[in-house]
PDB file of all heavy atoms in Angstrom:
ATOM      1  N   ILE A   1       0.822  -1.210   0.048  1.00  0.00           N
ATOM      2  CA  ILE A   1      -0.092   0.026   0.023  1.00  0.00           C
ATOM      3  C   ILE A   1       0.895   1.153   0.077  1.00  0.00           C
ATOM      4  O   ILE A   1       1.880   1.373   0.723  1.00  0.00           O
ATOM      5  CB  ILE A   1      -0.947   0.065   1.255  1.00  0.00           C
ATOM      6  CG1 ILE A   1      -1.863  -1.232   1.212  1.00  0.00           C
ATOM      7  CG2 ILE A   1      -1.742   1.314   1.209  1.00  0.00           C
ATOM      8  CD1 ILE A   1      -2.694  -1.452   0.154  1.00  0.00           C
ATOM      9  N   CYS A   2       0.601   2.057  -0.883  1.00  0.00           N
ATOM     10  CA  CYS A   2       1.273   3.480  -0.888  1.00  0.00           C
ATOM     11  C   CYS A   2       0.705   4.485   0.050  1.00  0.00           C
ATOM     12  O   CYS A   2      -0.428   4.777  -0.176  1.00  0.00           O
ATOM     13  CB  CYS A   2       1.257   3.996  -2.375  1.00  0.00           C
ATOM     14  SG  CYS A   2       2.248   5.588  -2.376  1.00  0.00           S
ATOM     15  N   LEU A   3       1.326   4.846   1.059  1.00  0.00           N
ATOM     16  CA  LEU A   3       0.977   5.702   2.131  1.00  0.00           C
ATOM     17  C   LEU A   3       1.813   7.034   2.015  1.00  0.00           C
ATOM     18  O   LEU A   3       2.777   7.098   1.334  1.00  0.00           O
ATOM     19  CB  LEU A   3       1.140   5.191   3.496  1.00  0.00           C
ATOM     20  CG  LEU A   3       0.342   3.906   3.794  1.00  0.00           C
ATOM     21  CD1 LEU A   3       0.876   3.111   4.962  1.00  0.00           C
ATOM     22  CD2 LEU A   3      -1.094   4.231   4.007  1.00  0.00           C
ATOM     23  N   PRO A   4       1.337   8.132   2.718  1.00  0.00           N
ATOM     24  CA  PRO A   4       2.157   9.251   2.610  1.00  0.00           C
ATOM     25  C   PRO A   4       3.554   9.087   3.035  1.00  0.00           C
ATOM     26  O   PRO A   4       3.777   8.382   4.133  1.00  0.00           O
ATOM     27  CB  PRO A   4       1.399  10.257   3.621  1.00  0.00           C
ATOM     28  CG  PRO A   4      -0.019   9.767   3.498  1.00  0.00           C
ATOM     29  CD  PRO A   4       0.097   8.306   3.435  1.00  0.00           C
ATOM     30  N   SER A   5       4.510   9.676   2.477  1.00  0.00           N
ATOM     31  CA  SER A   5       5.923   9.528   2.683  1.00  0.00           C
ATOM     32  C   SER A   5       6.243  10.373   3.891  1.00  0.00           C
ATOM     33  O   SER A   5       6.144  11.477   3.925  1.00  0.00           O
ATOM     34  CB  SER A   5       6.833   9.831   1.553  1.00  0.00           C
ATOM     35  OG  SER A   5       8.139   9.846   1.734  1.00  0.00           O
ATOM     36  N   GLY A   6       6.796   9.728   4.965  1.00  0.00           N
ATOM     37  CA  GLY A   6       7.366  10.396   6.185  1.00  0.00           C
ATOM     38  C   GLY A   6       6.377  10.785   7.172  1.00  0.00           C
ATOM     39  O   GLY A   6       6.781  11.306   8.268  1.00  0.00           O
ATOM     40  N   VAL A   7       5.116  10.632   6.873  1.00  0.00           N
ATOM     41  CA  VAL A   7       4.082  11.147   7.888  1.00  0.00           C
ATOM     42  C   VAL A   7       2.807  10.347   7.824  1.00  0.00           C
ATOM     43  O   VAL A   7       2.529   9.854   6.680  1.00  0.00           O
ATOM     44  CB  VAL A   7       3.901  12.592   7.651  1.00  0.00           C
ATOM     45  CG1 VAL A   7       3.112  12.704   6.381  1.00  0.00           C
ATOM     46  CG2 VAL A   7       3.122  13.270   8.868  1.00  0.00           C
ATOM     47  N   LYS A   8       2.034  10.142   8.859  1.00  0.00           N
ATOM     48  CA  LYS A   8       0.768   9.430   8.811  1.00  0.00           C
ATOM     49  C   LYS A   8      -0.257  10.372   8.088  1.00  0.00           C
ATOM     50  O   LYS A   8      -0.928   9.949   7.165  1.00  0.00           O
ATOM     51  CB  LYS A   8       0.368   8.982  10.176  1.00  0.00           C
ATOM     52  CG  LYS A   8      -1.059   8.475  10.204  1.00  0.00           C
ATOM     53  CD  LYS A   8      -1.662   8.444  11.574  1.00  0.00           C
ATOM     54  CE  LYS A   8      -3.187   8.084  11.630  1.00  0.00           C
ATOM     55  NZ  LYS A   8      -3.849   8.461  12.908  1.00  0.00           N
ATOM     56  N   GLU A   9      -0.450  11.634   8.547  1.00  0.00           N
ATOM     57  CA  GLU A   9      -1.522  12.561   7.955  1.00  0.00           C
ATOM     58  C   GLU A   9      -0.918  13.752   7.469  1.00  0.00           C
ATOM     59  O   GLU A   9      -0.013  14.247   8.015  1.00  0.00           O
ATOM     60  CB  GLU A   9      -2.391  12.774   9.194  1.00  0.00           C
ATOM     61  CG  GLU A   9      -2.989  11.688   9.935  1.00  0.00           C
ATOM     62  CD  GLU A   9      -3.648  12.095  11.170  1.00  0.00           C
ATOM     63  OE1 GLU A   9      -4.663  13.043  11.195  1.00  0.00           O
ATOM     64  OE2 GLU A   9      -3.297  11.736  12.241  1.00  0.00           O
ATOM     65  N   THR A  10      -1.383  14.172   6.322  1.00  0.00           N
ATOM     66  CA  THR A  10      -1.074  15.388   5.653  1.00  0.00           C
ATOM     67  C   THR A  10      -2.017  16.582   6.133  1.00  0.00           C
ATOM     68  O   THR A  10      -1.431  17.648   6.014  1.00  0.00           O
ATOM     69  CB  THR A  10      -1.147  15.226   4.170  1.00  0.00           C
ATOM     70  OG1 THR A  10      -2.511  15.105   3.738  1.00  0.00           O
ATOM     71  CG2 THR A  10      -0.332  14.069   3.623  1.00  0.00           C
ATOM     72  N   PHE A  11      -2.996  16.347   6.510  1.00  0.00           N
ATOM     73  CA  PHE A  11      -4.091  17.308   6.869  1.00  0.00           C
ATOM     74  C   PHE A  11      -4.449  18.211   5.726  1.00  0.00           C
ATOM     75  O   PHE A  11      -4.692  19.361   5.799  1.00  0.00           O
ATOM     76  CB  PHE A  11      -3.541  18.243   8.067  1.00  0.00           C
ATOM     77  CG  PHE A  11      -3.466  17.440   9.343  1.00  0.00           C
ATOM     78  CD1 PHE A  11      -2.162  17.023   9.718  1.00  0.00           C
ATOM     79  CD2 PHE A  11      -4.393  17.098  10.197  1.00  0.00           C
ATOM     80  CE1 PHE A  11      -1.949  16.290  10.889  1.00  0.00           C
ATOM     81  CE2 PHE A  11      -4.387  16.381  11.380  1.00  0.00           C
ATOM     82  CZ  PHE A  11      -3.098  15.995  11.694  1.00  0.00           C
ATOM     83  N   PHE A  12      -4.213  17.730   4.506  1.00  0.00           N
ATOM     84  CA  PHE A  12      -4.375  18.587   3.271  1.00  0.00           C
ATOM     85  C   PHE A  12      -5.717  19.073   3.136  1.00  0.00           C
ATOM     86  O   PHE A  12      -6.032  20.357   2.932  1.00  0.00           O
ATOM     87  CB  PHE A  12      -3.866  17.773   2.006  1.00  0.00           C
ATOM     88  CG  PHE A  12      -3.970  18.574   0.833  1.00  0.00           C
ATOM     89  CD1 PHE A  12      -3.226  19.735   0.558  1.00  0.00           C
ATOM     90  CD2 PHE A  12      -4.924  18.107  -0.134  1.00  0.00           C
ATOM     91  CE1 PHE A  12      -3.380  20.393  -0.681  1.00  0.00           C
ATOM     92  CE2 PHE A  12      -5.011  18.946  -1.397  1.00  0.00           C
ATOM     93  CZ  PHE A  12      -4.302  20.031  -1.712  1.00  0.00           C
ATOM     94  N   PHE A  13      -6.677  18.206   3.142  1.00  0.00           N
ATOM     95  CA  PHE A  13      -8.094  18.657   2.652  1.00  0.00           C
ATOM     96  C   PHE A  13      -8.814  19.368   3.751  1.00  0.00           C
ATOM     97  O   PHE A  13      -9.828  19.921   3.496  1.00  0.00           O
ATOM     98  CB  PHE A  13      -8.963  17.505   2.307  1.00  0.00           C
ATOM     99  CG  PHE A  13      -8.434  16.946   0.944  1.00  0.00           C
ATOM    100  CD1 PHE A  13      -7.737  15.649   0.838  1.00  0.00           C
ATOM    101  CD2 PHE A  13      -8.701  17.563  -0.253  1.00  0.00           C
ATOM    102  CE1 PHE A  13      -7.329  15.115  -0.357  1.00  0.00           C
ATOM    103  CE2 PHE A  13      -8.235  17.045  -1.349  1.00  0.00           C
ATOM    104  CZ  PHE A  13      -7.552  15.788  -1.547  1.00  0.00           C
ATOM    105  N   ASP A  14      -8.219  19.582   4.997  1.00  0.00           N
ATOM    106  CA  ASP A  14      -8.887  20.301   5.866  1.00  0.00           C
ATOM    107  C   ASP A  14      -8.022  21.581   6.382  1.00  0.00           C
ATOM    108  O   ASP A  14      -8.548  22.705   6.409  1.00  0.00           O
ATOM    109  CB  ASP A  14      -9.334  19.493   7.215  1.00  0.00           C
ATOM    110  CG  ASP A  14      -8.136  18.757   7.899  1.00  0.00           C
ATOM    111  OD1 ASP A  14      -7.169  18.652   7.198  1.00  0.00           O
ATOM    112  OD2 ASP A  14      -8.288  18.245   8.995  1.00  0.00           O
ATOM    113  N   LYS A  15      -6.793  21.373   6.703  1.00  0.00           N
ATOM    114  CA  LYS A  15      -6.016  22.428   7.049  1.00  0.00           C
ATOM    115  C   LYS A  15      -4.987  22.952   6.224  1.00  0.00           C
ATOM    116  O   LYS A  15      -4.446  24.174   6.464  1.00  0.00           O
ATOM    117  CB  LYS A  15      -5.357  22.011   8.460  1.00  0.00           C
ATOM    118  CG  LYS A  15      -6.328  21.473   9.567  1.00  0.00           C
ATOM    119  CD  LYS A  15      -5.475  20.961  10.741  1.00  0.00           C
ATOM    120  CE  LYS A  15      -6.464  20.485  11.807  1.00  0.00           C
ATOM    121  NZ  LYS A  15      -5.785  19.915  13.028  1.00  0.00           N
ATOM    122  N   ARG A  16      -4.544  22.311   5.100  1.00  0.00           N
ATOM    123  CA  ARG A  16      -3.455  22.694   4.347  1.00  0.00           C
ATOM    124  C   ARG A  16      -3.787  22.707   2.794  1.00  0.00           C
ATOM    125  O   ARG A  16      -2.937  22.580   2.019  1.00  0.00           O
ATOM    126  CB  ARG A  16      -2.217  21.827   4.717  1.00  0.00           C
ATOM    127  CG  ARG A  16      -1.671  21.935   6.123  1.00  0.00           C
ATOM    128  CD  ARG A  16      -0.343  21.224   6.186  1.00  0.00           C
ATOM    129  NE  ARG A  16       0.147  21.536   7.571  1.00  0.00           N
ATOM    130  CZ  ARG A  16       0.265  20.702   8.552  1.00  0.00           C
ATOM    131  NH1 ARG A  16      -0.296  19.444   8.468  1.00  0.00           N
ATOM    132  NH2 ARG A  16       0.683  21.014   9.674  1.00  0.00           N
ATOM    133  N   PHE A  17      -5.081  22.941   2.604  1.00  0.00           N
ATOM    134  CA  PHE A  17      -5.453  22.896   1.166  1.00  0.00           C
ATOM    135  C   PHE A  17      -4.823  23.995   0.436  1.00  0.00           C
ATOM    136  O   PHE A  17      -4.609  23.982  -0.904  1.00  0.00           O
ATOM    137  CB  PHE A  17      -7.098  23.003   1.159  1.00  0.00           C
ATOM    138  CG  PHE A  17      -7.586  22.672  -0.315  1.00  0.00           C
ATOM    139  CD1 PHE A  17      -7.503  21.296  -0.706  1.00  0.00           C
ATOM    140  CD2 PHE A  17      -8.249  23.529  -1.043  1.00  0.00           C
ATOM    141  CE1 PHE A  17      -8.116  20.935  -1.818  1.00  0.00           C
ATOM    142  CE2 PHE A  17      -8.729  23.221  -2.209  1.00  0.00           C
ATOM    143  CZ  PHE A  17      -8.695  21.914  -2.689  1.00  0.00           C
ATOM    144  N   HIS A  18      -4.503  25.065   1.023  1.00  0.00           N
ATOM    145  CA  HIS A  18      -3.884  26.170   0.299  1.00  0.00           C
ATOM    146  C   HIS A  18      -2.442  25.927  -0.072  1.00  0.00           C
ATOM    147  O   HIS A  18      -1.846  26.604  -0.892  1.00  0.00           O
ATOM    148  CB  HIS A  18      -3.748  27.428   1.458  1.00  0.00           C
ATOM    149  CG  HIS A  18      -2.896  27.108   2.491  1.00  0.00           C
ATOM    150  ND1 HIS A  18      -3.312  26.372   3.673  1.00  0.00           N
ATOM    151  CD2 HIS A  18      -1.662  27.452   3.007  1.00  0.00           C
ATOM    152  CE1 HIS A  18      -2.377  26.244   4.530  1.00  0.00           C
ATOM    153  NE2 HIS A  18      -1.280  26.955   4.121  1.00  0.00           N
ATOM    154  N   LYS A  19      -1.861  24.788   0.449  1.00  0.00           N
ATOM    155  CA  LYS A  19      -0.522  24.372  -0.038  1.00  0.00           C
ATOM    156  C   LYS A  19      -0.564  23.931  -1.563  1.00  0.00           C
ATOM    157  O   LYS A  19       0.530  23.889  -2.299  1.00  0.00           O
ATOM    158  CB  LYS A  19       0.002  23.179   0.819  1.00  0.00           C
ATOM    159  CG  LYS A  19       0.328  23.642   2.284  1.00  0.00           C
ATOM    160  CD  LYS A  19       1.632  24.479   2.233  1.00  0.00           C
ATOM    161  CE  LYS A  19       2.023  24.777   3.605  1.00  0.00           C
ATOM    162  NZ  LYS A  19       3.332  25.609   3.592  1.00  0.00           N
ATOM    163  N   GLY A  20      -1.755  23.546  -2.101  1.00  0.00           N
ATOM    164  CA  GLY A  20      -1.810  23.143  -3.431  1.00  0.00           C
ATOM    165  C   GLY A  20      -1.620  21.713  -3.691  1.00  0.00           C
ATOM    166  O   GLY A  20      -1.011  20.884  -2.944  1.00  0.00           O
ATOM    167  N   ILE A  21      -2.245  21.206  -4.823  1.00  0.00           N
ATOM    168  CA  ILE A  21      -2.293  19.828  -5.154  1.00  0.00           C
ATOM    169  C   ILE A  21      -0.931  19.162  -5.325  1.00  0.00           C
ATOM    170  O   ILE A  21      -0.597  17.929  -4.974  1.00  0.00           O
ATOM    171  CB  ILE A  21      -3.168  19.539  -6.285  1.00  0.00           C
ATOM    172  CG1 ILE A  21      -3.417  17.938  -6.418  1.00  0.00           C
ATOM    173  CG2 ILE A  21      -2.512  20.080  -7.515  1.00  0.00           C
ATOM    174  CD1 ILE A  21      -4.113  17.426  -5.324  1.00  0.00           C
ATOM    175  N   ASN A  22       0.157  19.869  -5.845  1.00  0.00           N
ATOM    176  CA  ASN A  22       1.483  19.437  -5.964  1.00  0.00           C
ATOM    177  C   ASN A  22       2.083  19.070  -4.669  1.00  0.00           C
ATOM    178  O   ASN A  22       2.881  18.081  -4.485  1.00  0.00           O
ATOM    179  CB  ASN A  22       2.243  20.395  -6.892  1.00  0.00           C
ATOM    180  CG  ASN A  22       1.776  20.389  -8.346  1.00  0.00           C
ATOM    181  OD1 ASN A  22       1.212  19.491  -8.811  1.00  0.00           O
ATOM    182  ND2 ASN A  22       1.922  21.489  -8.986  1.00  0.00           N
ATOM    183  N   TRP A  23       1.875  20.039  -3.684  1.00  0.00           N
ATOM    184  CA  TRP A  23       2.328  19.706  -2.288  1.00  0.00           C
ATOM    185  C   TRP A  23       1.905  18.405  -1.781  1.00  0.00           C
ATOM    186  O   TRP A  23       2.524  17.631  -1.201  1.00  0.00           O
ATOM    187  CB  TRP A  23       1.884  20.864  -1.413  1.00  0.00           C
ATOM    188  CG  TRP A  23       2.459  20.930   0.150  1.00  0.00           C
ATOM    189  CD1 TRP A  23       3.709  21.213   0.505  1.00  0.00           C
ATOM    190  CD2 TRP A  23       1.703  20.148   1.140  1.00  0.00           C
ATOM    191  NE1 TRP A  23       3.764  20.978   1.836  1.00  0.00           N
ATOM    192  CE2 TRP A  23       2.538  20.347   2.160  1.00  0.00           C
ATOM    193  CE3 TRP A  23       0.599  19.568   1.212  1.00  0.00           C
ATOM    194  CZ2 TRP A  23       2.129  19.850   3.500  1.00  0.00           C
ATOM    195  CZ3 TRP A  23       0.202  19.074   2.483  1.00  0.00           C
ATOM    196  CH2 TRP A  23       0.957  19.215   3.643  1.00  0.00           C
ATOM    197  N   TYR A  24       0.542  18.188  -1.904  1.00  0.00           N
ATOM    198  CA  TYR A  24      -0.088  16.941  -1.593  1.00  0.00           C
ATOM    199  C   TYR A  24       0.378  15.697  -2.275  1.00  0.00           C
ATOM    200  O   TYR A  24       0.816  14.672  -1.776  1.00  0.00           O
ATOM    201  CB  TYR A  24      -1.568  17.076  -1.610  1.00  0.00           C
ATOM    202  CG  TYR A  24      -2.374  15.957  -1.235  1.00  0.00           C
ATOM    203  CD1 TYR A  24      -2.364  15.510   0.190  1.00  0.00           C
ATOM    204  CD2 TYR A  24      -3.304  15.286  -2.000  1.00  0.00           C
ATOM    205  CE1 TYR A  24      -3.130  14.435   0.546  1.00  0.00           C
ATOM    206  CE2 TYR A  24      -4.044  14.226  -1.559  1.00  0.00           C
ATOM    207  CZ  TYR A  24      -3.976  13.755  -0.308  1.00  0.00           C
ATOM    208  OH  TYR A  24      -4.664  12.665   0.198  1.00  0.00           O
ATOM    209  N   GLY A  25       0.420  15.809  -3.486  1.00  0.00           N
ATOM    210  CA  GLY A  25       0.852  14.825  -4.369  1.00  0.00           C
ATOM    211  C   GLY A  25       2.275  14.306  -4.126  1.00  0.00           C
ATOM    212  O   GLY A  25       2.629  13.098  -4.268  1.00  0.00           O
ATOM    213  N   ALA A  26       3.169  15.206  -3.653  1.00  0.00           N
ATOM    214  CA  ALA A  26       4.502  14.955  -3.468  1.00  0.00           C
ATOM    215  C   ALA A  26       4.676  13.860  -2.218  1.00  0.00           C
ATOM    216  O   ALA A  26       5.667  13.288  -2.162  1.00  0.00           O
ATOM    217  CB  ALA A  26       5.329  16.092  -3.227  1.00  0.00           C
ATOM    218  N   HIS A  27       3.653  13.703  -1.443  1.00  0.00           N
ATOM    219  CA  HIS A  27       3.644  12.745  -0.376  1.00  0.00           C
ATOM    220  C   HIS A  27       3.498  11.322  -0.840  1.00  0.00           C
ATOM    221  O   HIS A  27       3.872  10.401  -0.112  1.00  0.00           O
ATOM    222  CB  HIS A  27       2.458  13.076   0.589  1.00  0.00           C
ATOM    223  CG  HIS A  27       2.705  14.249   1.487  1.00  0.00           C
ATOM    224  ND1 HIS A  27       2.394  15.516   0.877  1.00  0.00           N
ATOM    225  CD2 HIS A  27       3.279  14.428   2.573  1.00  0.00           C
ATOM    226  CE1 HIS A  27       2.628  16.413   1.951  1.00  0.00           C
ATOM    227  NE2 HIS A  27       3.223  15.849   2.872  1.00  0.00           N
ATOM    228  N   PHE A  28       3.060  11.106  -2.048  1.00  0.00           N
ATOM    229  CA  PHE A  28       2.735   9.754  -2.523  1.00  0.00           C
ATOM    230  C   PHE A  28       3.669   9.235  -3.603  1.00  0.00           C
ATOM    231  O   PHE A  28       3.205   9.146  -4.820  1.00  0.00           O
ATOM    232  CB  PHE A  28       1.301   9.710  -2.998  1.00  0.00           C
ATOM    233  CG  PHE A  28       0.322  10.053  -1.824  1.00  0.00           C
ATOM    234  CD1 PHE A  28      -0.132  11.425  -1.766  1.00  0.00           C
ATOM    235  CD2 PHE A  28      -0.115   9.133  -0.761  1.00  0.00           C
ATOM    236  CE1 PHE A  28      -1.003  11.759  -0.688  1.00  0.00           C
ATOM    237  CE2 PHE A  28      -0.896   9.526   0.081  1.00  0.00           C
ATOM    238  CZ  PHE A  28      -1.490  10.880   0.125  1.00  0.00           C
ATOM    239  N   LYS A  29       4.857   9.099  -3.269  1.00  0.00           N
ATOM    240  CA  LYS A  29       5.990   8.633  -4.228  1.00  0.00           C
ATOM    241  C   LYS A  29       6.032   7.191  -4.188  1.00  0.00           C
ATOM    242  O   LYS A  29       6.370   6.657  -3.154  1.00  0.00           O
ATOM    243  CB  LYS A  29       7.227   9.326  -3.898  1.00  0.00           C
ATOM    244  CG  LYS A  29       7.194  10.792  -4.127  1.00  0.00           C
ATOM    245  CD  LYS A  29       8.564  11.490  -3.743  1.00  0.00           C
ATOM    246  CE  LYS A  29       8.605  13.044  -4.017  1.00  0.00           C
ATOM    247  NZ  LYS A  29       9.784  13.645  -3.609  1.00  0.00           N
TER     248      LYS A  29
END
């Protein structure tokens, strides 16, 4: 299973959506 790299939760869709989709996508290498 591919999980976020280096961290359990990204908090992207609730707290860090302003970071942009590329920031989020970089977690799933």
